[in-house]
Amino acid sequence: MSTHTSINEIIHQAKEKLSPDLLIIILGPTASGKTKLAVELATQINGEIISADSRQVYRNMDIGTGKDLEEYRNIPYHLINIKNPGDKYNVDLFRQDFFKAYDHIINAQKQPILCGGSGSYIQSVLQYQPYAQVPKDSHLQKELSLLSEKELLTRIHTIGIPPDIQIDFHNHKRLVRALEILLYLQHHPQPQQPQRIVKNYRIFGICPPLEKRRASITQRLHTRLRQGLIDEVKFLMDNGTGHEDLIYYGLEYKYTTWYLQGLLTYAEFIEKLNTEIHRYAKRQMTYFRKMEKDGIKIQWL
């Protein structure tokens, strides 16, 4: 489907719910063309774009995160380049920053467009998630991660599941988090603080055919290497960003760091990074399907 056709479809669909506070959301896996579509849409409906990307918040991390700022042309954007490398960013901080940007755009009588591939960030502003406020305990998570899915399930059912908590029983990492939350609730009151959410929204998802997605990911990786991905990571290292922080940011930064440390040959670096980006795109699509199971409607283009 062409960009022009996609924009026409979005405008047509959005007209059903047009109001001053309507949030249009464009999501999709990495390298699917989300930003280009969002910018073209913004030019037609007087919009501003809010980024829903967990890594584009960091300054000087441009090539590896695929900011492609030239694509925005003269369209205002938000939540890009707001943190320094080495800072930690999470869903709670995103929610705070999102609503500041959202209110600013609405007050300016312009159209907010949320665009990105971090599904948990997008979901956090659309649905009440009281248990997201339960603090994470890295030591406990490490301990629980050693348990099998069967052992986790047994402990979860022994404690009992509150009726308002949703658990993904087919994901080991989420079972660990669920058990961590249940253990926390045994000694602390249930979170009561109401969360602000956006109730008036319309989501459009880009889902390229698998072969096209794979080709785009591999092509974009080689483009980023030509643009200077390795030099970008060297610059970050030289300016005080530690190896552990770069590895924490994952994908391009993790594998480039390992390559620069001599832990991978150049061929191994390319092969492993390419494979991991494909896996990441698959995980993104899995999360979007989870959002649909949670009752969030996505109009796939």
C-alpha atoms as a PDB file:
ATOM      1  CA  MET A   1       0.000   0.000   0.000  1.00  0.00           C
ATOM      2  CA  SER A   2       1.392   3.422  -0.937  1.00  0.00           C
ATOM      3  CA  THR A   3       1.964   6.180   1.599  1.00  0.00           C
ATOM      4  CA  HIS A   4      -0.666   8.314  -0.148  1.00  0.00           C
ATOM      5  CA  THR A   5      -3.272   5.555   0.096  1.00  0.00           C
ATOM      6  CA  SER A   6      -2.380   4.933   3.744  1.00  0.00           C
ATOM      7  CA  ILE A   7      -2.832   8.613   4.625  1.00  0.00           C
ATOM      8  CA  ASN A   8      -6.200   8.754   2.904  1.00  0.00           C
ATOM      9  CA  GLU A   9      -7.307   5.670   4.788  1.00  0.00           C
ATOM     10  CA  ILE A  10      -6.146   7.101   8.121  1.00  0.00           C
ATOM     11  CA  ILE A  11      -7.941  10.411   7.526  1.00  0.00           C
ATOM     12  CA  HIS A  12     -11.106   8.583   6.469  1.00  0.00           C
ATOM     13  CA  GLN A  13     -11.039   6.284   9.510  1.00  0.00           C
ATOM     14  CA  ALA A  14     -10.159   9.077  11.937  1.00  0.00           C
ATOM     15  CA  LYS A  15     -13.081  11.245  10.820  1.00  0.00           C
ATOM     16  CA  GLU A  16     -15.388   8.889  12.705  1.00  0.00           C
ATOM     17  CA  LYS A  17     -13.841  10.048  15.992  1.00  0.00           C
ATOM     18  CA  LEU A  18     -12.610  13.544  15.153  1.00  0.00           C
ATOM     19  CA  SER A  19     -12.510  15.794  18.195  1.00  0.00           C
ATOM     20  CA  PRO A  20     -10.008  18.290  19.631  1.00  0.00           C
ATOM     21  CA  ASP A  21      -8.359  15.676  21.858  1.00  0.00           C
ATOM     22  CA  LEU A  22      -8.158  12.791  19.353  1.00  0.00           C
ATOM     23  CA  LEU A  23      -4.808  10.987  19.468  1.00  0.00           C
ATOM     24  CA  ILE A  24      -3.786   9.290  16.233  1.00  0.00           C
ATOM     25  CA  ILE A  25      -1.274   6.486  16.772  1.00  0.00           C
ATOM     26  CA  ILE A  26       0.951   4.936  14.130  1.00  0.00           C
ATOM     27  CA  LEU A  27       2.810   1.812  15.200  1.00  0.00           C
ATOM     28  CA  GLY A  28       4.708  -0.993  13.536  1.00  0.00           C
ATOM     29  CA  PRO A  29       7.922  -2.997  13.703  1.00  0.00           C
ATOM     30  CA  THR A  30      11.346  -1.484  13.073  1.00  0.00           C
ATOM     31  CA  ALA A  31      12.095  -0.405   9.493  1.00  0.00           C
ATOM     32  CA  SER A  32       8.416  -0.398   8.504  1.00  0.00           C
ATOM     33  CA  GLY A  33       8.216   3.283   7.516  1.00  0.00           C
ATOM     34  CA  LYS A  34       6.306   4.648  10.526  1.00  0.00           C
ATOM     35  CA  THR A  35       8.049   8.022  10.675  1.00  0.00           C
ATOM     36  CA  LYS A  36       7.617   8.737   6.982  1.00  0.00           C
ATOM     37  CA  LEU A  37       3.894   7.990   7.193  1.00  0.00           C
ATOM     38  CA  ALA A  38       3.470  10.073  10.369  1.00  0.00           C
ATOM     39  CA  VAL A  39       5.225  13.072   8.815  1.00  0.00           C
ATOM     40  CA  GLU A  40       3.159  12.909   5.622  1.00  0.00           C
ATOM     41  CA  LEU A  41       0.001  12.702   7.744  1.00  0.00           C
ATOM     42  CA  ALA A  42       1.086  15.590   9.985  1.00  0.00           C
ATOM     43  CA  THR A  43       1.618  17.848   6.974  1.00  0.00           C
ATOM     44  CA  GLN A  44      -1.996  17.286   5.917  1.00  0.00           C
ATOM     45  CA  ILE A  45      -3.760  17.601   9.281  1.00  0.00           C
ATOM     46  CA  ASN A  46      -1.646  20.262  11.049  1.00  0.00           C
ATOM     47  CA  GLY A  47      -0.057  17.702  13.328  1.00  0.00           C
ATOM     48  CA  GLU A  48       2.861  17.346  15.700  1.00  0.00           C
ATOM     49  CA  ILE A  49       4.568  14.035  16.368  1.00  0.00           C
ATOM     50  CA  ILE A  50       5.268  12.455  19.746  1.00  0.00           C
ATOM     51  CA  SER A  51       7.882   9.706  19.548  1.00  0.00           C
ATOM     52  CA  ALA A  52       7.155   6.376  21.257  1.00  0.00           C
ATOM     53  CA  ASP A  53      10.679   5.016  21.018  1.00  0.00           C
ATOM     54  CA  SER A  54      12.569   3.892  24.115  1.00  0.00           C
ATOM     55  CA  ARG A  55      16.009   4.840  22.728  1.00  0.00           C
ATOM     56  CA  GLN A  56      15.426   7.943  20.604  1.00  0.00           C
ATOM     57  CA  VAL A  57      15.092   9.927  23.833  1.00  0.00           C
ATOM     58  CA  TYR A  58      18.916   9.894  24.110  1.00  0.00           C
ATOM     59  CA  ARG A  59      21.117  12.625  22.687  1.00  0.00           C
ATOM     60  CA  ASN A  60      24.048  11.657  20.419  1.00  0.00           C
ATOM     61  CA  MET A  61      22.508   8.243  19.777  1.00  0.00           C
ATOM     62  CA  ASP A  62      21.257   9.068  16.311  1.00  0.00           C
ATOM     63  CA  ILE A  63      22.359   6.428  13.817  1.00  0.00           C
ATOM     64  CA  GLY A  64      21.850   3.397  16.039  1.00  0.00           C
ATOM     65  CA  THR A  65      18.348   4.466  17.064  1.00  0.00           C
ATOM     66  CA  GLY A  66      17.336   5.466  13.538  1.00  0.00           C
ATOM     67  CA  LYS A  67      16.173   8.977  14.380  1.00  0.00           C
ATOM     68  CA  ASP A  68      16.322  10.079  10.743  1.00  0.00           C
ATOM     69  CA  LEU A  69      15.533  13.629  11.860  1.00  0.00           C
ATOM     70  CA  GLU A  70      15.720  14.917   8.288  1.00  0.00           C
ATOM     71  CA  GLU A  71      12.501  12.993   7.599  1.00  0.00           C
ATOM     72  CA  TYR A  72      10.564  15.324   9.914  1.00  0.00           C
ATOM     73  CA  ARG A  73      11.279  18.315   7.663  1.00  0.00           C
ATOM     74  CA  ASN A  74       9.419  21.206   9.373  1.00  0.00           C
ATOM     75  CA  ILE A  75       7.071  19.048  11.456  1.00  0.00           C
ATOM     76  CA  PRO A  76       7.517  19.607  15.227  1.00  0.00           C
ATOM     77  CA  TYR A  77       8.452  16.482  17.178  1.00  0.00           C
ATOM     78  CA  HIS A  78       8.595  15.603  20.871  1.00  0.00           C
ATOM     79  CA  LEU A  79      10.426  13.132  23.179  1.00  0.00           C
ATOM     80  CA  ILE A  80      13.526  12.886  20.992  1.00  0.00           C
ATOM     81  CA  ASN A  81      16.911  14.039  22.374  1.00  0.00           C
ATOM     82  CA  ILE A  82      15.604  14.725  25.893  1.00  0.00           C
ATOM     83  CA  LYS A  83      18.037  12.551  27.900  1.00  0.00           C
ATOM     84  CA  ASN A  84      21.796  12.080  28.046  1.00  0.00           C
ATOM     85  CA  PRO A  85      23.476   8.755  27.214  1.00  0.00           C
ATOM     86  CA  GLY A  86      23.855   6.779  30.419  1.00  0.00           C
ATOM     87  CA  ASP A  87      20.510   7.945  31.819  1.00  0.00           C
ATOM     88  CA  LYS A  88      17.833   5.333  32.372  1.00  0.00           C
ATOM     89  CA  TYR A  89      14.399   5.841  30.854  1.00  0.00           C
ATOM     90  CA  ASN A  90      11.245   3.844  31.555  1.00  0.00           C
ATOM     91  CA  VAL A  91       7.493   3.669  31.080  1.00  0.00           C
ATOM     92  CA  ASP A  92       6.694   5.935  34.048  1.00  0.00           C
ATOM     93  CA  LEU A  93       8.984   8.691  32.766  1.00  0.00           C
ATOM     94  CA  PHE A  94       7.549   8.262  29.277  1.00  0.00           C
ATOM     95  CA  ARG A  95       3.992   8.701  30.593  1.00  0.00           C
ATOM     96  CA  GLN A  96       4.949  11.958  32.309  1.00  0.00           C
ATOM     97  CA  ASP A  97       6.718  13.292  29.226  1.00  0.00           C
ATOM     98  CA  PHE A  98       3.974  12.091  26.888  1.00  0.00           C
ATOM     99  CA  PHE A  99       1.162  13.930  28.672  1.00  0.00           C
ATOM    100  CA  LYS A 100       3.201  17.150  28.822  1.00  0.00           C
ATOM    101  CA  ALA A 101       3.693  16.965  25.055  1.00  0.00           C
ATOM    102  CA  TYR A 102       0.099  15.857  24.409  1.00  0.00           C
ATOM    103  CA  ASP A 103      -1.347  18.759  26.426  1.00  0.00           C
ATOM    104  CA  HIS A 104       1.016  21.212  24.735  1.00  0.00           C
ATOM    105  CA  ILE A 105      -0.122  20.079  21.269  1.00  0.00           C
ATOM    106  CA  ILE A 106      -3.824  20.111  22.187  1.00  0.00           C
ATOM    107  CA  ASN A 107      -3.527  23.585  23.722  1.00  0.00           C
ATOM    108  CA  ALA A 108      -1.883  24.781  20.511  1.00  0.00           C
ATOM    109  CA  GLN A 109      -4.970  23.463  18.677  1.00  0.00           C
ATOM    110  CA  LYS A 110      -2.911  21.034  16.631  1.00  0.00           C
ATOM    111  CA  GLN A 111      -3.268  17.293  16.024  1.00  0.00           C
ATOM    112  CA  PRO A 112      -1.182  14.963  18.228  1.00  0.00           C
ATOM    113  CA  ILE A 113       0.273  11.921  16.448  1.00  0.00           C
ATOM    114  CA  LEU A 114       1.993   9.270  18.542  1.00  0.00           C
ATOM    115  CA  CYS A 115       4.440   7.291  16.434  1.00  0.00           C
ATOM    116  CA  GLY A 116       6.777   4.467  17.379  1.00  0.00           C
ATOM    117  CA  GLY A 117       7.465   0.816  17.963  1.00  0.00           C
ATOM    118  CA  SER A 118       7.710   0.583  21.763  1.00  0.00           C
ATOM    119  CA  GLY A 119       4.404  -1.162  22.412  1.00  0.00           C
ATOM    120  CA  SER A 120       4.613  -0.994  26.202  1.00  0.00           C
ATOM    121  CA  TYR A 121       5.045   2.787  26.031  1.00  0.00           C
ATOM    122  CA  ILE A 122       2.013   3.158  23.767  1.00  0.00           C
ATOM    123  CA  GLN A 123      -0.141   0.840  25.863  1.00  0.00           C
ATOM    124  CA  SER A 124       0.791   2.698  29.058  1.00  0.00           C
ATOM    125  CA  VAL A 125      -1.092   5.842  27.965  1.00  0.00           C
ATOM    126  CA  LEU A 126      -4.162   3.958  26.718  1.00  0.00           C
ATOM    127  CA  GLN A 127      -5.017   1.534  29.531  1.00  0.00           C
ATOM    128  CA  TYR A 128      -5.017   1.654  33.319  1.00  0.00           C
ATOM    129  CA  GLN A 129      -1.983  -0.245  34.592  1.00  0.00           C
ATOM    130  CA  PRO A 130      -1.950   0.127  38.396  1.00  0.00           C
ATOM    131  CA  TYR A 131       0.524  -2.690  38.847  1.00  0.00           C
ATOM    132  CA  ALA A 132       3.076  -0.976  36.623  1.00  0.00           C
ATOM    133  CA  GLN A 133       3.769   1.200  39.670  1.00  0.00           C
ATOM    134  CA  VAL A 134       5.073  -1.783  41.647  1.00  0.00           C
ATOM    135  CA  PRO A 135       8.843  -1.174  41.905  1.00  0.00           C
ATOM    136  CA  LYS A 136      11.203  -3.609  40.200  1.00  0.00           C
ATOM    137  CA  ASP A 137      13.719  -5.536  42.295  1.00  0.00           C
ATOM    138  CA  SER A 138      16.601  -6.619  40.056  1.00  0.00           C
ATOM    139  CA  HIS A 139      17.961  -9.079  42.649  1.00  0.00           C
ATOM    140  CA  LEU A 140      14.567 -10.737  43.095  1.00  0.00           C
ATOM    141  CA  GLN A 141      13.993 -10.834  39.330  1.00  0.00           C
ATOM    142  CA  LYS A 142      17.356 -12.533  38.831  1.00  0.00           C
ATOM    143  CA  GLU A 143      16.437 -15.113  41.482  1.00  0.00           C
ATOM    144  CA  LEU A 144      12.973 -15.753  40.023  1.00  0.00           C
ATOM    145  CA  SER A 145      14.326 -15.975  36.460  1.00  0.00           C
ATOM    146  CA  LEU A 146      16.083 -19.210  37.437  1.00  0.00           C
ATOM    147  CA  LEU A 147      12.699 -20.876  37.996  1.00  0.00           C
ATOM    148  CA  SER A 148      11.017 -22.826  35.202  1.00  0.00           C
ATOM    149  CA  GLU A 149       7.671 -21.717  33.776  1.00  0.00           C
ATOM    150  CA  LYS A 150       5.985 -24.575  35.655  1.00  0.00           C
ATOM    151  CA  GLU A 151       7.562 -23.484  38.956  1.00  0.00           C
ATOM    152  CA  LEU A 152       6.573 -19.871  38.353  1.00  0.00           C
ATOM    153  CA  LEU A 153       2.988 -20.857  37.550  1.00  0.00           C
ATOM    154  CA  THR A 154       2.763 -23.011  40.678  1.00  0.00           C
ATOM    155  CA  ARG A 155       3.903 -20.150  42.909  1.00  0.00           C
ATOM    156  CA  ILE A 156       1.607 -17.657  41.160  1.00  0.00           C
ATOM    157  CA  HIS A 157      -1.470 -19.854  41.608  1.00  0.00           C
ATOM    158  CA  THR A 158      -0.506 -20.647  45.212  1.00  0.00           C
ATOM    159  CA  ILE A 159      -0.500 -16.939  46.052  1.00  0.00           C
ATOM    160  CA  GLY A 160      -3.621 -16.225  44.001  1.00  0.00           C
ATOM    161  CA  ILE A 161      -4.228 -13.785  41.156  1.00  0.00           C
ATOM    162  CA  PRO A 162      -6.226 -10.566  41.793  1.00  0.00           C
ATOM    163  CA  PRO A 163      -9.144 -10.262  39.336  1.00  0.00           C
ATOM    164  CA  ASP A 164      -7.811  -7.011  37.845  1.00  0.00           C
ATOM    165  CA  ILE A 165      -4.333  -8.252  36.945  1.00  0.00           C
ATOM    166  CA  GLN A 166      -3.633  -9.723  33.516  1.00  0.00           C
ATOM    167  CA  ILE A 167      -0.839 -12.264  33.151  1.00  0.00           C
ATOM    168  CA  ASP A 168       0.755 -13.567  29.974  1.00  0.00           C
ATOM    169  CA  PHE A 169       1.094 -17.245  30.867  1.00  0.00           C
ATOM    170  CA  HIS A 170       3.184 -18.019  27.790  1.00  0.00           C
ATOM    171  CA  ASN A 171       6.089 -15.635  28.416  1.00  0.00           C
ATOM    172  CA  HIS A 172       8.752 -16.518  30.990  1.00  0.00           C
ATOM    173  CA  LYS A 173       9.902 -12.927  31.519  1.00  0.00           C
ATOM    174  CA  ARG A 174       6.343 -11.726  32.159  1.00  0.00           C
ATOM    175  CA  LEU A 175       5.681 -14.625  34.529  1.00  0.00           C
ATOM    176  CA  VAL A 176       8.723 -13.494  36.524  1.00  0.00           C
ATOM    177  CA  ARG A 177       7.354  -9.938  36.659  1.00  0.00           C
ATOM    178  CA  ALA A 178       3.877 -11.208  37.615  1.00  0.00           C
ATOM    179  CA  LEU A 179       5.268 -13.243  40.522  1.00  0.00           C
ATOM    180  CA  GLU A 180       7.366 -10.264  41.615  1.00  0.00           C
ATOM    181  CA  ILE A 181       4.199  -8.126  41.726  1.00  0.00           C
ATOM    182  CA  LEU A 182       2.246 -10.762  43.679  1.00  0.00           C
ATOM    183  CA  LEU A 183       5.070 -11.110  46.215  1.00  0.00           C
ATOM    184  CA  TYR A 184       5.156  -7.317  46.602  1.00  0.00           C
ATOM    185  CA  LEU A 185       1.390  -7.181  47.228  1.00  0.00           C
ATOM    186  CA  GLN A 186       1.726  -9.665  50.096  1.00  0.00           C
ATOM    187  CA  HIS A 187       3.473  -6.975  52.137  1.00  0.00           C
ATOM    188  CA  HIS A 188       2.194  -3.741  50.596  1.00  0.00           C
ATOM    189  CA  PRO A 189      -1.271  -2.298  49.889  1.00  0.00           C
ATOM    190  CA  GLN A 190      -2.632  -2.601  46.375  1.00  0.00           C
ATOM    191  CA  PRO A 191      -1.809   0.498  44.279  1.00  0.00           C
ATOM    192  CA  GLN A 192      -4.801   2.839  44.287  1.00  0.00           C
ATOM    193  CA  GLN A 193      -3.494   5.963  42.591  1.00  0.00           C
ATOM    194  CA  PRO A 194      -5.611   6.582  39.478  1.00  0.00           C
ATOM    195  CA  GLN A 195      -3.711   6.881  36.230  1.00  0.00           C
ATOM    196  CA  ARG A 196      -4.487   9.313  33.491  1.00  0.00           C
ATOM    197  CA  ILE A 197      -5.160   7.665  30.145  1.00  0.00           C
ATOM    198  CA  VAL A 198      -6.136   8.774  26.658  1.00  0.00           C
ATOM    199  CA  LYS A 199      -9.640   7.533  25.908  1.00  0.00           C
ATOM    200  CA  ASN A 200     -10.118   9.088  22.484  1.00  0.00           C
ATOM    201  CA  TYR A 201      -7.626   7.502  20.120  1.00  0.00           C
ATOM    202  CA  ARG A 202      -7.314   5.699  16.833  1.00  0.00           C
ATOM    203  CA  ILE A 203      -4.458   3.264  16.132  1.00  0.00           C
ATOM    204  CA  PHE A 204      -3.092   2.425  12.693  1.00  0.00           C
ATOM    205  CA  GLY A 205      -0.540  -0.345  12.347  1.00  0.00           C
ATOM    206  CA  ILE A 206       1.954  -0.910   9.555  1.00  0.00           C
ATOM    207  CA  CYS A 207       2.652  -4.585   8.938  1.00  0.00           C
ATOM    208  CA  PRO A 208       4.828  -5.178   5.871  1.00  0.00           C
ATOM    209  CA  PRO A 209       4.994  -8.702   4.396  1.00  0.00           C
ATOM    210  CA  LEU A 210       7.644 -10.752   6.190  1.00  0.00           C
ATOM    211  CA  GLU A 211      10.093 -10.908   3.279  1.00  0.00           C
ATOM    212  CA  LYS A 212       9.819  -7.174   2.687  1.00  0.00           C
ATOM    213  CA  ARG A 213      10.373  -6.491   6.390  1.00  0.00           C
ATOM    214  CA  ARG A 214      13.453  -8.701   6.457  1.00  0.00           C
ATOM    215  CA  ALA A 215      14.912  -7.043   3.365  1.00  0.00           C
ATOM    216  CA  SER A 216      14.264  -3.562   4.791  1.00  0.00           C
ATOM    217  CA  ILE A 217      15.917  -4.418   8.113  1.00  0.00           C
ATOM    218  CA  THR A 218      19.059  -5.814   6.496  1.00  0.00           C
ATOM    219  CA  GLN A 219      19.283  -2.940   4.023  1.00  0.00           C
ATOM    220  CA  ARG A 220      18.878  -0.370   6.787  1.00  0.00           C
ATOM    221  CA  LEU A 221      21.580  -2.023   8.895  1.00  0.00           C
ATOM    222  CA  HIS A 222      24.105  -1.696   6.065  1.00  0.00           C
ATOM    223  CA  THR A 223      23.000   1.908   5.529  1.00  0.00           C
ATOM    224  CA  ARG A 224      23.636   2.679   9.199  1.00  0.00           C
ATOM    225  CA  LEU A 225      27.083   1.131   8.994  1.00  0.00           C
ATOM    226  CA  ARG A 226      27.891   3.363   6.011  1.00  0.00           C
ATOM    227  CA  GLN A 227      26.524   6.368   7.910  1.00  0.00           C
ATOM    228  CA  GLY A 228      29.014   5.747  10.722  1.00  0.00           C
ATOM    229  CA  LEU A 229      27.368   3.550  13.361  1.00  0.00           C
ATOM    230  CA  ILE A 230      30.728   2.297  14.663  1.00  0.00           C
ATOM    231  CA  ASP A 231      32.115   5.846  14.885  1.00  0.00           C
ATOM    232  CA  GLU A 232      28.992   6.920  16.786  1.00  0.00           C
ATOM    233  CA  VAL A 233      29.554   4.223  19.418  1.00  0.00           C
ATOM    234  CA  LYS A 234      33.261   5.167  19.642  1.00  0.00           C
ATOM    235  CA  PHE A 235      32.224   8.796  20.209  1.00  0.00           C
ATOM    236  CA  LEU A 236      29.883   7.775  23.016  1.00  0.00           C
ATOM    237  CA  MET A 237      32.637   5.713  24.652  1.00  0.00           C
ATOM    238  CA  ASP A 238      35.156   8.552  24.332  1.00  0.00           C
ATOM    239  CA  ASN A 239      32.689  10.944  25.966  1.00  0.00           C
ATOM    240  CA  GLY A 240      32.058   8.880  29.065  1.00  0.00           C
ATOM    241  CA  THR A 241      29.284   6.436  28.208  1.00  0.00           C
ATOM    242  CA  GLY A 242      30.334   3.147  29.789  1.00  0.00           C
ATOM    243  CA  HIS A 243      30.365  -0.254  28.136  1.00  0.00           C
ATOM    244  CA  GLU A 244      27.633  -1.524  30.468  1.00  0.00           C
ATOM    245  CA  ASP A 245      25.331   1.373  29.549  1.00  0.00           C
ATOM    246  CA  LEU A 246      25.859   0.795  25.828  1.00  0.00           C
ATOM    247  CA  ILE A 247      25.188  -2.926  26.215  1.00  0.00           C
ATOM    248  CA  TYR A 248      22.061  -2.066  28.233  1.00  0.00           C
ATOM    249  CA  TYR A 249      20.695  -0.077  25.265  1.00  0.00           C
ATOM    250  CA  GLY A 250      20.810  -3.276  23.213  1.00  0.00           C
ATOM    251  CA  LEU A 251      20.965  -4.155  19.526  1.00  0.00           C
ATOM    252  CA  GLU A 252      23.225  -1.739  17.597  1.00  0.00           C
ATOM    253  CA  TYR A 253      24.931  -0.407  20.728  1.00  0.00           C
ATOM    254  CA  LYS A 254      25.371  -3.794  22.390  1.00  0.00           C
ATOM    255  CA  TYR A 255      26.904  -5.576  19.413  1.00  0.00           C
ATOM    256  CA  THR A 256      28.993  -2.629  18.251  1.00  0.00           C
ATOM    257  CA  THR A 257      30.431  -2.379  21.766  1.00  0.00           C
ATOM    258  CA  TRP A 258      31.288  -6.077  21.751  1.00  0.00           C
ATOM    259  CA  TYR A 259      32.928  -5.647  18.340  1.00  0.00           C
ATOM    260  CA  LEU A 260      34.994  -2.687  19.554  1.00  0.00           C
ATOM    261  CA  GLN A 261      35.998  -4.690  22.628  1.00  0.00           C
ATOM    262  CA  GLY A 262      37.330  -7.392  20.322  1.00  0.00           C
ATOM    263  CA  LEU A 263      34.741  -9.939  21.442  1.00  0.00           C
ATOM    264  CA  LEU A 264      33.388 -10.351  17.894  1.00  0.00           C
ATOM    265  CA  THR A 265      34.979 -10.316  14.464  1.00  0.00           C
ATOM    266  CA  TYR A 266      33.456  -7.872  11.977  1.00  0.00           C
ATOM    267  CA  ALA A 267      31.659 -10.721  10.171  1.00  0.00           C
ATOM    268  CA  GLU A 268      30.274 -12.093  13.464  1.00  0.00           C
ATOM    269  CA  PHE A 269      29.213  -8.589  14.496  1.00  0.00           C
ATOM    270  CA  ILE A 270      27.193  -8.059  11.304  1.00  0.00           C
ATOM    271  CA  GLU A 271      25.635 -11.521  11.349  1.00  0.00           C
ATOM    272  CA  LYS A 272      24.626 -11.456  15.009  1.00  0.00           C
ATOM    273  CA  LEU A 273      23.297  -7.889  14.909  1.00  0.00           C
ATOM    274  CA  ASN A 274      21.273  -8.544  11.778  1.00  0.00           C
ATOM    275  CA  THR A 275      19.757 -11.665  13.357  1.00  0.00           C
ATOM    276  CA  GLU A 276      18.902  -9.850  16.596  1.00  0.00           C
ATOM    277  CA  ILE A 277      17.190  -6.949  14.819  1.00  0.00           C
ATOM    278  CA  HIS A 278      14.984  -9.462  12.981  1.00  0.00           C
ATOM    279  CA  ARG A 279      14.144 -11.093  16.312  1.00  0.00           C
ATOM    280  CA  TYR A 280      13.394  -7.701  17.807  1.00  0.00           C
ATOM    281  CA  ALA A 281      10.925  -6.932  14.996  1.00  0.00           C
ATOM    282  CA  LYS A 282       9.219 -10.258  15.665  1.00  0.00           C
ATOM    283  CA  ARG A 283       8.944  -9.412  19.385  1.00  0.00           C
ATOM    284  CA  GLN A 284       7.426  -6.042  18.483  1.00  0.00           C
ATOM    285  CA  MET A 285       4.732  -7.735  16.408  1.00  0.00           C
ATOM    286  CA  THR A 286       4.086 -10.198  19.249  1.00  0.00           C
ATOM    287  CA  TYR A 287       3.556  -7.283  21.639  1.00  0.00           C
ATOM    288  CA  PHE A 288       1.177  -5.534  19.245  1.00  0.00           C
ATOM    289  CA  ARG A 289      -0.869  -8.756  19.086  1.00  0.00           C
ATOM    290  CA  LYS A 290      -0.860  -8.799  22.890  1.00  0.00           C
ATOM    291  CA  MET A 291      -2.248  -5.248  22.870  1.00  0.00           C
ATOM    292  CA  GLU A 292      -5.082  -6.474  20.673  1.00  0.00           C
ATOM    293  CA  LYS A 293      -5.776  -9.337  23.096  1.00  0.00           C
ATOM    294  CA  ASP A 294      -5.902  -6.728  25.873  1.00  0.00           C
ATOM    295  CA  GLY A 295      -8.730  -4.981  24.037  1.00  0.00           C
ATOM    296  CA  ILE A 296      -6.816  -2.312  22.123  1.00  0.00           C
ATOM    297  CA  LYS A 297      -8.072  -2.104  18.545  1.00  0.00           C
ATOM    298  CA  ILE A 298      -5.461  -1.656  15.841  1.00  0.00           C
ATOM    299  CA  GLN A 299      -6.469  -0.841  12.262  1.00  0.00           C
ATOM    300  CA  TRP A 300      -3.816  -2.625  10.177  1.00  0.00           C
ATOM    301  CA  LEU A 301      -2.992  -0.868   6.935  1.00  0.00           C
END
